[in-house]
Amino acid sequence: MALTGAVEALEAASEAPATQAYRATITRADGQSETVLVRALSGTTSLSVTIFDPTDTAAAVASAEETINAALAELEKK
C-alpha cells in the first residue's frame, strides 16, 4: 500500500509568546486523513492540541487556540 503525505503551515495565535500550527494530510489507497496540530510555547511549558479529520480547518485552529489559551490561564492561577 502506497502512502503519500503533505504538510502545510497554518496561521495561528495564542496568549503564548510562540504559537505554530500545521495541517498534515496523508493519502492512502483507501482514502485520506487530515490532522491539524497547534502548538504553543510559553517559558518551559509546551502545549499542543491535535484535531483529527476536521470538517473546517479554520474552526479547528480557532478551537485549538481557545483550548491553549484556557490551559495557559489555568496554569497562571497556580
N, C-alpha and C. Protein backbone atom coordinates (compact mmCIF):
# COMPACT_ATOMS: atom_id res chain seq x y z
N MET A 1 0.85 -1.17 0.00
CA MET A 1 0.00 0.00 0.00
C MET A 1 0.90 1.24 0.00
N ALA A 2 0.68 2.12 -0.94
CA ALA A 2 1.46 3.35 -1.04
C ALA A 2 0.83 4.45 -0.19
N LEU A 3 1.67 5.19 0.49
CA LEU A 3 1.24 6.34 1.28
C LEU A 3 1.94 7.57 0.76
N THR A 4 1.22 8.68 0.72
CA THR A 4 1.84 9.96 0.42
C THR A 4 1.39 10.94 1.49
N GLY A 5 2.20 11.93 1.74
CA GLY A 5 1.86 12.91 2.76
C GLY A 5 2.25 14.31 2.35
N ALA A 6 1.57 15.26 2.95
CA ALA A 6 1.87 16.67 2.71
C ALA A 6 1.66 17.43 4.02
N VAL A 7 2.49 18.43 4.24
CA VAL A 7 2.38 19.27 5.43
C VAL A 7 2.29 20.72 4.98
N GLU A 8 1.37 21.45 5.59
CA GLU A 8 1.15 22.85 5.24
C GLU A 8 1.13 23.68 6.51
N ALA A 9 1.87 24.78 6.55
CA ALA A 9 1.85 25.69 7.68
C ALA A 9 0.52 26.44 7.69
N LEU A 10 -0.01 26.66 8.90
CA LEU A 10 -1.26 27.41 9.07
C LEU A 10 -1.01 28.61 9.97
N GLU A 11 -1.84 29.62 9.86
CA GLU A 11 -1.77 30.78 10.75
C GLU A 11 -2.46 30.45 12.06
N ALA A 12 -1.81 30.78 13.17
CA ALA A 12 -2.40 30.57 14.49
C ALA A 12 -1.79 31.56 15.45
N ALA A 13 -2.53 31.90 16.50
CA ALA A 13 -2.04 32.80 17.53
C ALA A 13 -2.67 32.40 18.86
N SER A 14 -1.92 32.62 19.92
CA SER A 14 -2.45 32.36 21.27
C SER A 14 -1.81 33.36 22.22
N GLU A 15 -2.13 33.22 23.48
CA GLU A 15 -1.55 34.09 24.50
C GLU A 15 -0.09 33.74 24.78
N ALA A 16 0.38 32.63 24.28
CA ALA A 16 1.77 32.22 24.47
C ALA A 16 2.69 33.07 23.58
N PRO A 17 3.94 33.25 24.00
CA PRO A 17 4.88 34.02 23.17
C PRO A 17 5.13 33.41 21.79
N ALA A 18 5.02 32.10 21.68
CA ALA A 18 5.26 31.45 20.38
C ALA A 18 4.15 30.44 20.11
N THR A 19 3.55 30.53 18.94
CA THR A 19 2.49 29.61 18.54
C THR A 19 2.73 29.21 17.09
N GLN A 20 2.58 27.94 16.80
CA GLN A 20 2.71 27.47 15.42
C GLN A 20 1.63 26.45 15.15
N ALA A 21 1.29 26.31 13.88
CA ALA A 21 0.25 25.36 13.50
C ALA A 21 0.55 24.79 12.13
N TYR A 22 0.11 23.56 11.93
CA TYR A 22 0.22 22.97 10.61
C TYR A 22 -0.87 21.93 10.39
N ARG A 23 -1.07 21.63 9.12
CA ARG A 23 -2.02 20.59 8.72
C ARG A 23 -1.22 19.51 8.00
N ALA A 24 -1.41 18.27 8.40
CA ALA A 24 -0.78 17.14 7.73
C ALA A 24 -1.88 16.33 7.05
N THR A 25 -1.65 16.00 5.80
CA THR A 25 -2.61 15.21 5.03
C THR A 25 -1.91 13.94 4.57
N ILE A 26 -2.50 12.80 4.89
CA ILE A 26 -1.98 11.51 4.48
C ILE A 26 -2.97 10.89 3.50
N THR A 27 -2.47 10.49 2.35
CA THR A 27 -3.31 9.84 1.34
C THR A 27 -2.85 8.40 1.18
N ARG A 28 -3.80 7.50 1.19
CA ARG A 28 -3.51 6.08 1.02
C ARG A 28 -4.54 5.51 0.05
N ALA A 29 -4.41 4.27 -0.30
CA ALA A 29 -5.28 3.65 -1.29
C ALA A 29 -6.75 3.72 -0.91
N ASP A 30 -7.06 3.60 0.37
CA ASP A 30 -8.46 3.57 0.79
C ASP A 30 -9.00 4.93 1.25
N GLY A 31 -8.26 6.00 1.04
CA GLY A 31 -8.78 7.32 1.41
C GLY A 31 -7.71 8.27 1.88
N GLN A 32 -8.16 9.30 2.57
CA GLN A 32 -7.29 10.37 3.01
C GLN A 32 -7.64 10.72 4.45
N SER A 33 -6.64 11.11 5.23
CA SER A 33 -6.89 11.61 6.57
C SER A 33 -6.11 12.90 6.77
N GLU A 34 -6.64 13.72 7.65
CA GLU A 34 -6.04 15.03 7.88
C GLU A 34 -5.91 15.26 9.38
N THR A 35 -4.84 15.91 9.77
CA THR A 35 -4.61 16.26 11.16
C THR A 35 -4.22 17.73 11.22
N VAL A 36 -4.82 18.47 12.15
CA VAL A 36 -4.42 19.85 12.40
C VAL A 36 -3.78 19.87 13.78
N LEU A 37 -2.56 20.41 13.86
CA LEU A 37 -1.84 20.50 15.13
C LEU A 37 -1.50 21.95 15.40
N VAL A 38 -1.83 22.41 16.60
CA VAL A 38 -1.45 23.75 17.05
C VAL A 38 -0.62 23.58 18.30
N ARG A 39 0.56 24.18 18.31
CA ARG A 39 1.48 24.07 19.45
C ARG A 39 1.84 25.46 19.93
N ALA A 40 1.91 25.63 21.25
CA ALA A 40 2.28 26.90 21.85
C ALA A 40 3.38 26.69 22.88
N LEU A 41 4.32 27.61 22.92
CA LEU A 41 5.43 27.56 23.87
C LEU A 41 5.41 28.81 24.73
N SER A 42 5.46 28.61 26.05
CA SER A 42 5.49 29.71 27.00
C SER A 42 6.45 29.35 28.10
N GLY A 43 7.62 29.96 28.10
CA GLY A 43 8.64 29.60 29.08
C GLY A 43 9.05 28.15 28.88
N THR A 44 8.92 27.36 29.95
CA THR A 44 9.26 25.93 29.85
C THR A 44 8.04 25.07 29.59
N THR A 45 6.90 25.71 29.30
CA THR A 45 5.66 24.98 29.07
C THR A 45 5.39 24.85 27.58
N SER A 46 5.10 23.63 27.16
CA SER A 46 4.72 23.36 25.77
C SER A 46 3.33 22.74 25.78
N LEU A 47 2.42 23.36 25.06
CA LEU A 47 1.04 22.86 24.95
C LEU A 47 0.76 22.55 23.48
N SER A 48 0.06 21.46 23.24
CA SER A 48 -0.33 21.16 21.87
C SER A 48 -1.74 20.58 21.84
N VAL A 49 -2.43 20.91 20.77
CA VAL A 49 -3.78 20.41 20.53
C VAL A 49 -3.78 19.82 19.13
N THR A 50 -4.24 18.59 19.02
CA THR A 50 -4.33 17.91 17.73
C THR A 50 -5.79 17.58 17.45
N ILE A 51 -6.24 17.92 16.26
CA ILE A 51 -7.61 17.63 15.85
C ILE A 51 -7.53 16.76 14.59
N PHE A 52 -8.18 15.61 14.66
CA PHE A 52 -8.14 14.65 13.57
C PHE A 52 -9.34 14.82 12.64
N ASP A 53 -9.07 14.83 11.35
CA ASP A 53 -10.09 14.93 10.30
C ASP A 53 -11.12 16.02 10.56
N PRO A 54 -10.67 17.27 10.74
CA PRO A 54 -11.64 18.36 10.96
C PRO A 54 -12.45 18.63 9.70
N THR A 55 -13.70 19.02 9.88
CA THR A 55 -14.53 19.38 8.73
C THR A 55 -14.24 20.81 8.28
N ASP A 56 -13.73 21.64 9.18
CA ASP A 56 -13.42 23.04 8.88
C ASP A 56 -12.08 23.36 9.53
N THR A 57 -11.06 23.55 8.71
CA THR A 57 -9.70 23.79 9.22
C THR A 57 -9.63 25.05 10.06
N ALA A 58 -10.22 26.13 9.59
CA ALA A 58 -10.17 27.40 10.33
C ALA A 58 -10.85 27.26 11.69
N ALA A 59 -11.97 26.57 11.74
CA ALA A 59 -12.66 26.35 13.02
C ALA A 59 -11.82 25.46 13.94
N ALA A 60 -11.13 24.49 13.37
CA ALA A 60 -10.27 23.61 14.16
C ALA A 60 -9.13 24.40 14.80
N VAL A 61 -8.51 25.28 14.01
CA VAL A 61 -7.44 26.12 14.55
C VAL A 61 -7.98 27.03 15.64
N ALA A 62 -9.13 27.65 15.42
CA ALA A 62 -9.73 28.53 16.42
C ALA A 62 -10.03 27.78 17.72
N SER A 63 -10.56 26.57 17.59
CA SER A 63 -10.84 25.76 18.77
C SER A 63 -9.56 25.41 19.52
N ALA A 64 -8.52 25.07 18.80
CA ALA A 64 -7.24 24.74 19.42
C ALA A 64 -6.66 25.97 20.13
N GLU A 65 -6.75 27.14 19.49
CA GLU A 65 -6.27 28.38 20.12
C GLU A 65 -7.00 28.64 21.43
N GLU A 66 -8.32 28.48 21.42
CA GLU A 66 -9.12 28.69 22.64
C GLU A 66 -8.72 27.71 23.73
N THR A 67 -8.51 26.47 23.37
CA THR A 67 -8.11 25.44 24.34
C THR A 67 -6.76 25.78 24.95
N ILE A 68 -5.81 26.18 24.12
CA ILE A 68 -4.49 26.55 24.61
C ILE A 68 -4.57 27.76 25.53
N ASN A 69 -5.34 28.77 25.14
CA ASN A 69 -5.48 29.96 25.99
C ASN A 69 -6.11 29.63 27.33
N ALA A 70 -7.10 28.74 27.33
CA ALA A 70 -7.73 28.33 28.59
C ALA A 70 -6.74 27.59 29.47
N ALA A 71 -5.94 26.72 28.89
CA ALA A 71 -4.92 26.00 29.67
C ALA A 71 -3.88 26.95 30.24
N LEU A 72 -3.44 27.91 29.45
CA LEU A 72 -2.48 28.88 29.94
C LEU A 72 -3.05 29.71 31.08
N ALA A 73 -4.31 30.09 30.97
CA ALA A 73 -4.96 30.85 32.04
C ALA A 73 -5.02 30.05 33.32
N GLU A 74 -5.32 28.77 33.24
CA GLU A 74 -5.35 27.91 34.42
C GLU A 74 -3.97 27.76 35.04
N LEU A 75 -2.96 27.63 34.20
CA LEU A 75 -1.60 27.48 34.71
C LEU A 75 -1.12 28.75 35.41
N GLU A 76 -1.57 29.91 34.93
CA GLU A 76 -1.18 31.17 35.57
C GLU A 76 -1.78 31.31 36.97
N LYS A 77 -2.88 30.64 37.24
CA LYS A 77 -3.53 30.70 38.54
C LYS A 77 -2.70 30.00 39.62
N LYS A 78 -1.84 29.08 39.21
CA LYS A 78 -1.09 28.27 40.18
C LYS A 78 0.19 28.92 40.60
